[in-house]
All heavy atoms as atom14 arrays in JSON, in Angstrom:
{
  "sequence": "ESHPGKGAQYIRAAGTCGVLLRKVNGTAIVQLPSKRHMQVLETCVAT",
  "atom14_mask": [
    [1, 1, 1, 1, 1, 1, 1, 1, 1, 0, 0, 0, 0, 0],
    [1, 1, 1, 1, 1, 1, 0, 0, 0, 0, 0, 0, 0, 0],
    [1, 1, 1, 1, 1, 1, 1, 1, 1, 1, 0, 0, 0, 0],
    [1, 1, 1, 1, 1, 1, 1, 0, 0, 0, 0, 0, 0, 0],
    [1, 1, 1, 1, 0, 0, 0, 0, 0, 0, 0, 0, 0, 0],
    [1, 1, 1, 1, 1, 1, 1, 1, 1, 0, 0, 0, 0, 0],
    [1, 1, 1, 1, 0, 0, 0, 0, 0, 0, 0, 0, 0, 0],
    [1, 1, 1, 1, 1, 0, 0, 0, 0, 0, 0, 0, 0, 0],
    [1, 1, 1, 1, 1, 1, 1, 1, 1, 0, 0, 0, 0, 0],
    [1, 1, 1, 1, 1, 1, 1, 1, 1, 1, 1, 1, 0, 0],
    [1, 1, 1, 1, 1, 1, 1, 1, 0, 0, 0, 0, 0, 0],
    [1, 1, 1, 1, 1, 1, 1, 1, 1, 1, 1, 0, 0, 0],
    [1, 1, 1, 1, 1, 0, 0, 0, 0, 0, 0, 0, 0, 0],
    [1, 1, 1, 1, 1, 0, 0, 0, 0, 0, 0, 0, 0, 0],
    [1, 1, 1, 1, 0, 0, 0, 0, 0, 0, 0, 0, 0, 0],
    [1, 1, 1, 1, 1, 1, 1, 0, 0, 0, 0, 0, 0, 0],
    [1, 1, 1, 1, 1, 1, 0, 0, 0, 0, 0, 0, 0, 0],
    [1, 1, 1, 1, 0, 0, 0, 0, 0, 0, 0, 0, 0, 0],
    [1, 1, 1, 1, 1, 1, 1, 0, 0, 0, 0, 0, 0, 0],
    [1, 1, 1, 1, 1, 1, 1, 1, 0, 0, 0, 0, 0, 0],
    [1, 1, 1, 1, 1, 1, 1, 1, 0, 0, 0, 0, 0, 0],
    [1, 1, 1, 1, 1, 1, 1, 1, 1, 1, 1, 0, 0, 0],
    [1, 1, 1, 1, 1, 1, 1, 1, 1, 0, 0, 0, 0, 0],
    [1, 1, 1, 1, 1, 1, 1, 0, 0, 0, 0, 0, 0, 0],
    [1, 1, 1, 1, 1, 1, 1, 1, 0, 0, 0, 0, 0, 0],
    [1, 1, 1, 1, 0, 0, 0, 0, 0, 0, 0, 0, 0, 0],
    [1, 1, 1, 1, 1, 1, 1, 0, 0, 0, 0, 0, 0, 0],
    [1, 1, 1, 1, 1, 0, 0, 0, 0, 0, 0, 0, 0, 0],
    [1, 1, 1, 1, 1, 1, 1, 1, 0, 0, 0, 0, 0, 0],
    [1, 1, 1, 1, 1, 1, 1, 0, 0, 0, 0, 0, 0, 0],
    [1, 1, 1, 1, 1, 1, 1, 1, 1, 0, 0, 0, 0, 0],
    [1, 1, 1, 1, 1, 1, 1, 1, 0, 0, 0, 0, 0, 0],
    [1, 1, 1, 1, 1, 1, 1, 0, 0, 0, 0, 0, 0, 0],
    [1, 1, 1, 1, 1, 1, 0, 0, 0, 0, 0, 0, 0, 0],
    [1, 1, 1, 1, 1, 1, 1, 1, 1, 0, 0, 0, 0, 0],
    [1, 1, 1, 1, 1, 1, 1, 1, 1, 1, 1, 0, 0, 0],
    [1, 1, 1, 1, 1, 1, 1, 1, 1, 1, 0, 0, 0, 0],
    [1, 1, 1, 1, 1, 1, 1, 1, 0, 0, 0, 0, 0, 0],
    [1, 1, 1, 1, 1, 1, 1, 1, 1, 0, 0, 0, 0, 0],
    [1, 1, 1, 1, 1, 1, 1, 0, 0, 0, 0, 0, 0, 0],
    [1, 1, 1, 1, 1, 1, 1, 1, 0, 0, 0, 0, 0, 0],
    [1, 1, 1, 1, 1, 1, 1, 1, 1, 0, 0, 0, 0, 0],
    [1, 1, 1, 1, 1, 1, 1, 0, 0, 0, 0, 0, 0, 0],
    [1, 1, 1, 1, 1, 1, 0, 0, 0, 0, 0, 0, 0, 0],
    [1, 1, 1, 1, 1, 1, 1, 0, 0, 0, 0, 0, 0, 0],
    [1, 1, 1, 1, 1, 0, 0, 0, 0, 0, 0, 0, 0, 0],
    [1, 1, 1, 1, 1, 1, 1, 0, 0, 0, 0, 0, 0, 0]
  ],
  "atom14_positions": [
    [[107.61, 98.34, 113.55], [108.85, 98.84, 112.97], [109.3, 97.93, 111.82], [109.08, 96.73, 111.84], [109.97, 98.87, 114.02], [109.77, 99.88, 115.13], [110.91, 99.86, 116.12], [111.56, 98.79, 116.27], [111.17, 100.89, 116.75], [0.0, 0.0, 0.0], [0.0, 0.0, 0.0], [0.0, 0.0, 0.0], [0.0, 0.0, 0.0], [0.0, 0.0, 0.0]],
    [[109.98, 98.53, 110.85], [110.59, 97.74, 109.79], [112.04, 97.41, 110.11], [112.57, 96.4, 109.65], [110.51, 98.48, 108.46], [111.19, 99.72, 108.54], [0.0, 0.0, 0.0], [0.0, 0.0, 0.0], [0.0, 0.0, 0.0], [0.0, 0.0, 0.0], [0.0, 0.0, 0.0], [0.0, 0.0, 0.0], [0.0, 0.0, 0.0], [0.0, 0.0, 0.0]],
    [[112.69, 98.28, 110.89], [114.06, 98.05, 111.34], [114.12, 98.38, 112.83], [113.46, 99.32, 113.29], [115.06, 98.91, 110.57], [115.11, 98.62, 109.1], [114.23, 99.21, 108.21], [115.9, 97.8, 108.37], [114.5, 98.77, 106.99], [115.52, 97.91, 107.06], [0.0, 0.0, 0.0], [0.0, 0.0, 0.0], [0.0, 0.0, 0.0], [0.0, 0.0, 0.0]],
    [[114.91, 97.65, 113.6], [114.97, 97.92, 115.04], [115.45, 99.34, 115.34], [116.46, 99.79, 114.81], [115.98, 96.87, 115.55], [115.96, 95.79, 114.52], [115.72, 96.46, 113.23], [0.0, 0.0, 0.0], [0.0, 0.0, 0.0], [0.0, 0.0, 0.0], [0.0, 0.0, 0.0], [0.0, 0.0, 0.0], [0.0, 0.0, 0.0], [0.0, 0.0, 0.0]],
    [[114.68, 100.03, 116.18], [115.05, 101.38, 116.58], [114.67, 102.47, 115.61], [114.94, 103.65, 115.87], [0.0, 0.0, 0.0], [0.0, 0.0, 0.0], [0.0, 0.0, 0.0], [0.0, 0.0, 0.0], [0.0, 0.0, 0.0], [0.0, 0.0, 0.0], [0.0, 0.0, 0.0], [0.0, 0.0, 0.0], [0.0, 0.0, 0.0], [0.0, 0.0, 0.0]],
    [[114.05, 102.14, 114.49], [113.7, 103.16, 113.5], [112.4, 103.86, 113.81], [112.16, 104.98, 113.35], [113.63, 102.51, 112.11], [113.54, 103.51, 110.98], [113.58, 102.82, 109.63], [113.54, 103.84, 108.5], [113.6, 103.19, 107.17], [0.0, 0.0, 0.0], [0.0, 0.0, 0.0], [0.0, 0.0, 0.0], [0.0, 0.0, 0.0], [0.0, 0.0, 0.0]],
    [[111.54, 103.23, 114.58], [110.23, 103.82, 114.85], [109.16, 103.18, 114.0], [109.42, 102.62, 112.92], [0.0, 0.0, 0.0], [0.0, 0.0, 0.0], [0.0, 0.0, 0.0], [0.0, 0.0, 0.0], [0.0, 0.0, 0.0], [0.0, 0.0, 0.0], [0.0, 0.0, 0.0], [0.0, 0.0, 0.0], [0.0, 0.0, 0.0], [0.0, 0.0, 0.0]],
    [[107.92, 103.24, 114.49], [106.8, 102.59, 113.81], [106.54, 103.22, 112.45], [106.48, 104.44, 112.33], [105.55, 102.65, 114.67], [0.0, 0.0, 0.0], [0.0, 0.0, 0.0], [0.0, 0.0, 0.0], [0.0, 0.0, 0.0], [0.0, 0.0, 0.0], [0.0, 0.0, 0.0], [0.0, 0.0, 0.0], [0.0, 0.0, 0.0], [0.0, 0.0, 0.0]],
    [[106.39, 102.38, 111.44], [106.08, 102.82, 110.09], [104.88, 102.08, 109.49], [104.33, 102.55, 108.5], [107.29, 102.62, 109.17], [108.45, 103.55, 109.47], [109.6, 103.35, 108.5], [110.2, 102.27, 108.45], [109.92, 104.36, 107.73], [0.0, 0.0, 0.0], [0.0, 0.0, 0.0], [0.0, 0.0, 0.0], [0.0, 0.0, 0.0], [0.0, 0.0, 0.0]],
    [[104.49, 100.98, 110.07], [103.4, 100.17, 109.53], [102.28, 100.08, 110.56], [102.5, 100.16, 111.77], [103.89, 98.76, 109.16], [104.74, 98.71, 107.91], [106.1, 98.88, 107.97], [104.16, 98.51, 106.67], [106.89, 98.83, 106.84], [104.92, 98.45, 105.51], [106.28, 98.62, 105.61], [107.05, 98.57, 104.48], [0.0, 0.0, 0.0], [0.0, 0.0, 0.0]],
    [[101.06, 99.89, 110.03], [99.86, 99.63, 110.84], [99.65, 100.79, 111.82], [99.65, 100.62, 113.04], [99.94, 98.28, 111.59], [100.58, 97.21, 110.72], [98.56, 97.81, 112.02], [100.75, 95.88, 111.4], [0.0, 0.0, 0.0], [0.0, 0.0, 0.0], [0.0, 0.0, 0.0], [0.0, 0.0, 0.0], [0.0, 0.0, 0.0], [0.0, 0.0, 0.0]],
    [[99.47, 101.99, 111.27], [99.26, 103.17, 112.1], [97.91, 103.84, 111.84], [97.54, 104.76, 112.57], [100.37, 104.2, 111.85], [101.75, 103.65, 112.09], [102.82, 104.71, 112.11], [102.67, 105.73, 111.08], [103.64, 106.59, 110.75], [104.82, 106.51, 111.36], [103.45, 107.5, 109.83], [0.0, 0.0, 0.0], [0.0, 0.0, 0.0], [0.0, 0.0, 0.0]],
    [[97.17, 103.38, 110.84], [95.89, 104.0, 110.52], [94.82, 103.56, 111.51], [94.96, 102.56, 112.22], [95.46, 103.65, 109.09], [0.0, 0.0, 0.0], [0.0, 0.0, 0.0], [0.0, 0.0, 0.0], [0.0, 0.0, 0.0], [0.0, 0.0, 0.0], [0.0, 0.0, 0.0], [0.0, 0.0, 0.0], [0.0, 0.0, 0.0], [0.0, 0.0, 0.0]],
    [[93.73, 104.31, 111.57], [92.67, 104.06, 112.54], [92.02, 102.7, 112.3], [91.69, 102.34, 111.16], [91.61, 105.16, 112.46], [0.0, 0.0, 0.0], [0.0, 0.0, 0.0], [0.0, 0.0, 0.0], [0.0, 0.0, 0.0], [0.0, 0.0, 0.0], [0.0, 0.0, 0.0], [0.0, 0.0, 0.0], [0.0, 0.0, 0.0], [0.0, 0.0, 0.0]],
    [[91.86, 101.93, 113.37], [91.15, 100.66, 113.31], [91.9, 99.52, 112.68], [91.32, 98.45, 112.48], [0.0, 0.0, 0.0], [0.0, 0.0, 0.0], [0.0, 0.0, 0.0], [0.0, 0.0, 0.0], [0.0, 0.0, 0.0], [0.0, 0.0, 0.0], [0.0, 0.0, 0.0], [0.0, 0.0, 0.0], [0.0, 0.0, 0.0], [0.0, 0.0, 0.0]],
    [[93.18, 99.68, 112.37], [93.94, 98.62, 111.71], [94.72, 97.8, 112.73], [95.03, 98.26, 113.82], [94.9, 99.19, 110.67], [95.79, 100.12, 111.32], [94.15, 99.91, 109.57], [0.0, 0.0, 0.0], [0.0, 0.0, 0.0], [0.0, 0.0, 0.0], [0.0, 0.0, 0.0], [0.0, 0.0, 0.0], [0.0, 0.0, 0.0], [0.0, 0.0, 0.0]],
    [[95.07, 96.59, 112.34], [95.88, 95.72, 113.18], [96.5, 94.65, 112.3], [95.99, 94.32, 111.23], [95.05, 95.08, 114.31], [93.79, 93.94, 113.75], [0.0, 0.0, 0.0], [0.0, 0.0, 0.0], [0.0, 0.0, 0.0], [0.0, 0.0, 0.0], [0.0, 0.0, 0.0], [0.0, 0.0, 0.0], [0.0, 0.0, 0.0], [0.0, 0.0, 0.0]],
    [[97.62, 94.13, 112.75], [98.29, 93.02, 112.08], [98.31, 91.8, 112.98], [97.96, 91.86, 114.16], [0.0, 0.0, 0.0], [0.0, 0.0, 0.0], [0.0, 0.0, 0.0], [0.0, 0.0, 0.0], [0.0, 0.0, 0.0], [0.0, 0.0, 0.0], [0.0, 0.0, 0.0], [0.0, 0.0, 0.0], [0.0, 0.0, 0.0], [0.0, 0.0, 0.0]],
    [[98.75, 90.69, 112.42], [98.78, 89.43, 113.15], [100.18, 88.86, 113.07], [100.78, 88.78, 111.98], [97.76, 88.42, 112.57], [97.77, 87.13, 113.39], [96.37, 89.02, 112.54], [0.0, 0.0, 0.0], [0.0, 0.0, 0.0], [0.0, 0.0, 0.0], [0.0, 0.0, 0.0], [0.0, 0.0, 0.0], [0.0, 0.0, 0.0], [0.0, 0.0, 0.0]],
    [[100.71, 88.48, 114.22], [102.0, 87.8, 114.26], [101.78, 86.33, 113.9], [101.2, 85.56, 114.67], [102.62, 87.94, 115.66], [103.96, 87.24, 115.89], [105.01, 87.76, 114.93], [104.4, 87.43, 117.33], [0.0, 0.0, 0.0], [0.0, 0.0, 0.0], [0.0, 0.0, 0.0], [0.0, 0.0, 0.0], [0.0, 0.0, 0.0], [0.0, 0.0, 0.0]],
    [[102.24, 85.92, 112.72], [101.96, 84.58, 112.22], [102.92, 83.54, 112.76], [102.52, 82.53, 113.32], [102.0, 84.58, 110.67], [100.94, 85.45, 109.98], [101.1, 85.34, 108.47], [99.54, 85.03, 110.4], [0.0, 0.0, 0.0], [0.0, 0.0, 0.0], [0.0, 0.0, 0.0], [0.0, 0.0, 0.0], [0.0, 0.0, 0.0], [0.0, 0.0, 0.0]],
    [[104.22, 83.8, 112.62], [105.2, 82.81, 113.09], [106.55, 83.48, 113.27], [106.78, 84.6, 112.78], [105.3, 81.64, 112.11], [105.7, 82.03, 110.7], [105.61, 80.85, 109.75], [105.96, 81.21, 108.38], [105.12, 81.68, 107.5], [103.84, 81.86, 107.82], [105.52, 81.96, 106.27], [0.0, 0.0, 0.0], [0.0, 0.0, 0.0], [0.0, 0.0, 0.0]],
    [[107.42, 82.78, 113.97], [108.79, 83.25, 114.22], [109.77, 82.18, 113.73], [109.66, 81.01, 114.13], [108.99, 83.52, 115.71], [108.15, 84.7, 116.22], [108.34, 84.95, 117.69], [107.56, 83.96, 118.53], [107.6, 84.29, 119.98], [0.0, 0.0, 0.0], [0.0, 0.0, 0.0], [0.0, 0.0, 0.0], [0.0, 0.0, 0.0], [0.0, 0.0, 0.0]],
    [[110.7, 82.6, 112.86], [111.61, 81.66, 112.22], [113.02, 82.23, 112.27], [113.28, 83.32, 111.72], [111.2, 81.4, 110.75], [112.15, 80.39, 110.11], [109.76, 80.93, 110.67], [0.0, 0.0, 0.0], [0.0, 0.0, 0.0], [0.0, 0.0, 0.0], [0.0, 0.0, 0.0], [0.0, 0.0, 0.0], [0.0, 0.0, 0.0], [0.0, 0.0, 0.0]],
    [[113.94, 81.52, 112.93], [115.37, 81.82, 112.9], [115.67, 83.29, 113.2], [116.37, 83.97, 112.43], [115.98, 81.43, 111.54], [115.9, 79.95, 111.28], [115.89, 79.14, 112.21], [115.82, 79.58, 110.0], [0.0, 0.0, 0.0], [0.0, 0.0, 0.0], [0.0, 0.0, 0.0], [0.0, 0.0, 0.0], [0.0, 0.0, 0.0], [0.0, 0.0, 0.0]],
    [[115.14, 83.79, 114.29], [115.42, 85.17, 114.66], [114.65, 86.21, 113.9], [114.91, 87.41, 114.04], [0.0, 0.0, 0.0], [0.0, 0.0, 0.0], [0.0, 0.0, 0.0], [0.0, 0.0, 0.0], [0.0, 0.0, 0.0], [0.0, 0.0, 0.0], [0.0, 0.0, 0.0], [0.0, 0.0, 0.0], [0.0, 0.0, 0.0], [0.0, 0.0, 0.0]],
    [[113.68, 85.78, 113.09], [112.84, 86.72, 112.36], [111.38, 86.45, 112.71], [111.04, 85.4, 113.25], [113.04, 86.59, 110.83], [112.61, 85.28, 110.42], [114.49, 86.79, 110.47], [0.0, 0.0, 0.0], [0.0, 0.0, 0.0], [0.0, 0.0, 0.0], [0.0, 0.0, 0.0], [0.0, 0.0, 0.0], [0.0, 0.0, 0.0], [0.0, 0.0, 0.0]],
    [[110.54, 87.39, 112.39], [109.1, 87.27, 112.63], [108.36, 87.61, 111.35], [108.75, 88.55, 110.62], [108.66, 88.2, 113.76], [0.0, 0.0, 0.0], [0.0, 0.0, 0.0], [0.0, 0.0, 0.0], [0.0, 0.0, 0.0], [0.0, 0.0, 0.0], [0.0, 0.0, 0.0], [0.0, 0.0, 0.0], [0.0, 0.0, 0.0], [0.0, 0.0, 0.0]],
    [[107.31, 86.89, 111.07], [106.48, 87.11, 109.88], [105.13, 87.63, 110.35], [104.45, 87.0, 111.17], [106.32, 85.82, 109.06], [107.7, 85.36, 108.58], [105.37, 86.03, 107.89], [107.69, 84.07, 107.81], [0.0, 0.0, 0.0], [0.0, 0.0, 0.0], [0.0, 0.0, 0.0], [0.0, 0.0, 0.0], [0.0, 0.0, 0.0], [0.0, 0.0, 0.0]],
    [[104.76, 88.8, 109.84], [103.55, 89.51, 110.26], [102.63, 89.65, 109.06], [103.08, 89.94, 107.94], [103.9, 90.89, 110.84], [102.64, 91.64, 111.27], [104.86, 90.74, 112.02], [0.0, 0.0, 0.0], [0.0, 0.0, 0.0], [0.0, 0.0, 0.0], [0.0, 0.0, 0.0], [0.0, 0.0, 0.0], [0.0, 0.0, 0.0], [0.0, 0.0, 0.0]],
    [[101.33, 89.46, 109.31], [100.34, 89.71, 108.26], [99.81, 91.12, 108.42], [99.26, 91.49, 109.46], [99.18, 88.71, 108.36], [98.13, 88.91, 107.29], [97.0, 87.9, 107.4], [97.08, 86.96, 108.19], [95.96, 88.09, 106.63], [0.0, 0.0, 0.0], [0.0, 0.0, 0.0], [0.0, 0.0, 0.0], [0.0, 0.0, 0.0], [0.0, 0.0, 0.0]],
    [[99.99, 91.95, 107.39], [99.55, 93.34, 107.41], [98.04, 93.42, 107.18], [97.41, 92.43, 106.78], [100.3, 94.13, 106.34], [101.83, 94.16, 106.47], [102.44, 94.91, 105.31], [102.24, 94.76, 107.8], [0.0, 0.0, 0.0], [0.0, 0.0, 0.0], [0.0, 0.0, 0.0], [0.0, 0.0, 0.0], [0.0, 0.0, 0.0], [0.0, 0.0, 0.0]],
    [[97.42, 94.57, 107.43], [95.98, 94.71, 107.17], [95.6, 94.44, 105.72], [94.46, 94.08, 105.43], [95.7, 96.16, 107.56], [96.74, 96.5, 108.55], [97.95, 95.75, 108.13], [0.0, 0.0, 0.0], [0.0, 0.0, 0.0], [0.0, 0.0, 0.0], [0.0, 0.0, 0.0], [0.0, 0.0, 0.0], [0.0, 0.0, 0.0], [0.0, 0.0, 0.0]],
    [[96.55, 94.6, 104.78], [96.28, 94.32, 103.37], [96.42, 92.84, 103.03], [96.37, 92.49, 101.85], [97.24, 95.12, 102.49], [98.59, 94.76, 102.77], [0.0, 0.0, 0.0], [0.0, 0.0, 0.0], [0.0, 0.0, 0.0], [0.0, 0.0, 0.0], [0.0, 0.0, 0.0], [0.0, 0.0, 0.0], [0.0, 0.0, 0.0], [0.0, 0.0, 0.0]],
    [[96.61, 91.97, 104.06], [96.81, 90.53, 103.92], [98.17, 90.17, 103.35], [98.44, 89.0, 103.1], [95.71, 89.89, 103.03], [94.3, 90.2, 103.48], [94.06, 89.8, 104.92], [92.63, 90.13, 105.34], [92.4, 89.85, 106.78], [0.0, 0.0, 0.0], [0.0, 0.0, 0.0], [0.0, 0.0, 0.0], [0.0, 0.0, 0.0], [0.0, 0.0, 0.0]],
    [[99.01, 91.15, 103.16], [100.35, 90.86, 102.68], [101.23, 90.46, 103.86], [101.09, 91.0, 104.97], [100.95, 92.07, 101.98], [102.3, 91.81, 101.35], [102.82, 93.01, 100.59], [104.04, 92.69, 99.87], [104.71, 93.56, 99.11], [104.26, 94.79, 98.98], [105.8, 93.2, 98.48], [0.0, 0.0, 0.0], [0.0, 0.0, 0.0], [0.0, 0.0, 0.0]],
    [[102.17, 89.55, 103.64], [103.06, 89.1, 104.69], [104.36, 89.89, 104.62], [104.86, 90.22, 103.54], [103.36, 87.6, 104.53], [102.15, 86.75, 104.77], [102.18, 85.37, 104.7], [100.87, 87.07, 105.09], [100.98, 84.88, 104.97], [100.17, 85.9, 105.19], [0.0, 0.0, 0.0], [0.0, 0.0, 0.0], [0.0, 0.0, 0.0], [0.0, 0.0, 0.0]],
    [[104.9, 90.18, 105.81], [106.13, 90.95, 105.91], [107.04, 90.27, 106.91], [106.61, 89.85, 107.98], [105.83, 92.39, 106.34], [107.06, 93.28, 106.32], [106.68, 95.0, 106.73], [106.29, 94.83, 108.45], [0.0, 0.0, 0.0], [0.0, 0.0, 0.0], [0.0, 0.0, 0.0], [0.0, 0.0, 0.0], [0.0, 0.0, 0.0], [0.0, 0.0, 0.0]],
    [[108.31, 90.17, 106.57], [109.3, 89.53, 107.42], [110.26, 90.58, 107.94], [110.88, 91.32, 107.19], [110.07, 88.46, 106.65], [111.08, 87.69, 107.5], [111.86, 86.67, 106.69], [111.96, 86.8, 105.48], [112.4, 85.68, 107.36], [0.0, 0.0, 0.0], [0.0, 0.0, 0.0], [0.0, 0.0, 0.0], [0.0, 0.0, 0.0], [0.0, 0.0, 0.0]],
    [[110.39, 90.65, 109.28], [111.28, 91.59, 109.94], [112.05, 90.84, 111.02], [111.74, 89.69, 111.35], [110.51, 92.78, 110.56], [109.84, 93.62, 109.49], [109.49, 92.29, 111.56], [0.0, 0.0, 0.0], [0.0, 0.0, 0.0], [0.0, 0.0, 0.0], [0.0, 0.0, 0.0], [0.0, 0.0, 0.0], [0.0, 0.0, 0.0], [0.0, 0.0, 0.0]],
    [[113.05, 91.5, 111.59], [113.79, 90.91, 112.69], [112.91, 90.84, 113.94], [112.03, 91.69, 114.14], [115.04, 91.73, 112.98], [116.12, 91.73, 111.89], [117.23, 92.69, 112.25], [116.66, 90.33, 111.67], [0.0, 0.0, 0.0], [0.0, 0.0, 0.0], [0.0, 0.0, 0.0], [0.0, 0.0, 0.0], [0.0, 0.0, 0.0], [0.0, 0.0, 0.0]],
    [[113.16, 89.84, 114.77], [112.34, 89.69, 115.97], [112.63, 90.75, 117.02], [111.89, 90.87, 117.99], [112.57, 88.3, 116.57], [113.97, 88.07, 117.1], [114.13, 86.73, 117.78], [113.17, 85.93, 117.76], [115.21, 86.49, 118.34], [0.0, 0.0, 0.0], [0.0, 0.0, 0.0], [0.0, 0.0, 0.0], [0.0, 0.0, 0.0], [0.0, 0.0, 0.0]],
    [[113.66, 91.56, 116.82], [113.93, 92.67, 117.74], [113.15, 93.94, 117.39], [113.25, 94.92, 118.13], [115.43, 92.99, 117.74], [115.87, 93.2, 116.39], [116.23, 91.84, 118.35], [0.0, 0.0, 0.0], [0.0, 0.0, 0.0], [0.0, 0.0, 0.0], [0.0, 0.0, 0.0], [0.0, 0.0, 0.0], [0.0, 0.0, 0.0], [0.0, 0.0, 0.0]],
    [[112.4, 93.92, 116.3], [111.55, 95.07, 115.96], [110.41, 95.16, 116.97], [109.78, 94.16, 117.3], [111.01, 94.93, 114.54], [112.27, 95.08, 113.27], [0.0, 0.0, 0.0], [0.0, 0.0, 0.0], [0.0, 0.0, 0.0], [0.0, 0.0, 0.0], [0.0, 0.0, 0.0], [0.0, 0.0, 0.0], [0.0, 0.0, 0.0], [0.0, 0.0, 0.0]],
    [[110.13, 96.37, 117.4], [109.14, 96.6, 118.45], [107.78, 96.87, 117.81], [107.67, 97.54, 116.77], [109.56, 97.78, 119.35], [108.52, 98.06, 120.42], [110.9, 97.48, 119.98], [0.0, 0.0, 0.0], [0.0, 0.0, 0.0], [0.0, 0.0, 0.0], [0.0, 0.0, 0.0], [0.0, 0.0, 0.0], [0.0, 0.0, 0.0], [0.0, 0.0, 0.0]],
    [[106.74, 96.34, 118.45], [105.36, 96.57, 118.03], [104.5, 96.78, 119.27], [104.86, 96.35, 120.37], [104.83, 95.4, 117.2], [0.0, 0.0, 0.0], [0.0, 0.0, 0.0], [0.0, 0.0, 0.0], [0.0, 0.0, 0.0], [0.0, 0.0, 0.0], [0.0, 0.0, 0.0], [0.0, 0.0, 0.0], [0.0, 0.0, 0.0], [0.0, 0.0, 0.0]],
    [[103.38, 97.43, 119.08], [102.42, 97.67, 120.16], [101.34, 96.61, 120.11], [100.84, 96.27, 119.02], [101.8, 99.07, 120.04], [102.86, 100.04, 120.01], [100.9, 99.37, 121.21], [0.0, 0.0, 0.0], [0.0, 0.0, 0.0], [0.0, 0.0, 0.0], [0.0, 0.0, 0.0], [0.0, 0.0, 0.0], [0.0, 0.0, 0.0], [0.0, 0.0, 0.0]]
  ]
}
């Protein structure tokens, strides 16, 4: 999710996955399949 409760919008294509890199001050930084980093709130849900 990009926002809590909005529903999954990232990393939905076949065979893709992201990596949870670190958690900072109530936020989480995730590496997308494109190697780009994304920062979201730690309350965002992921599978």
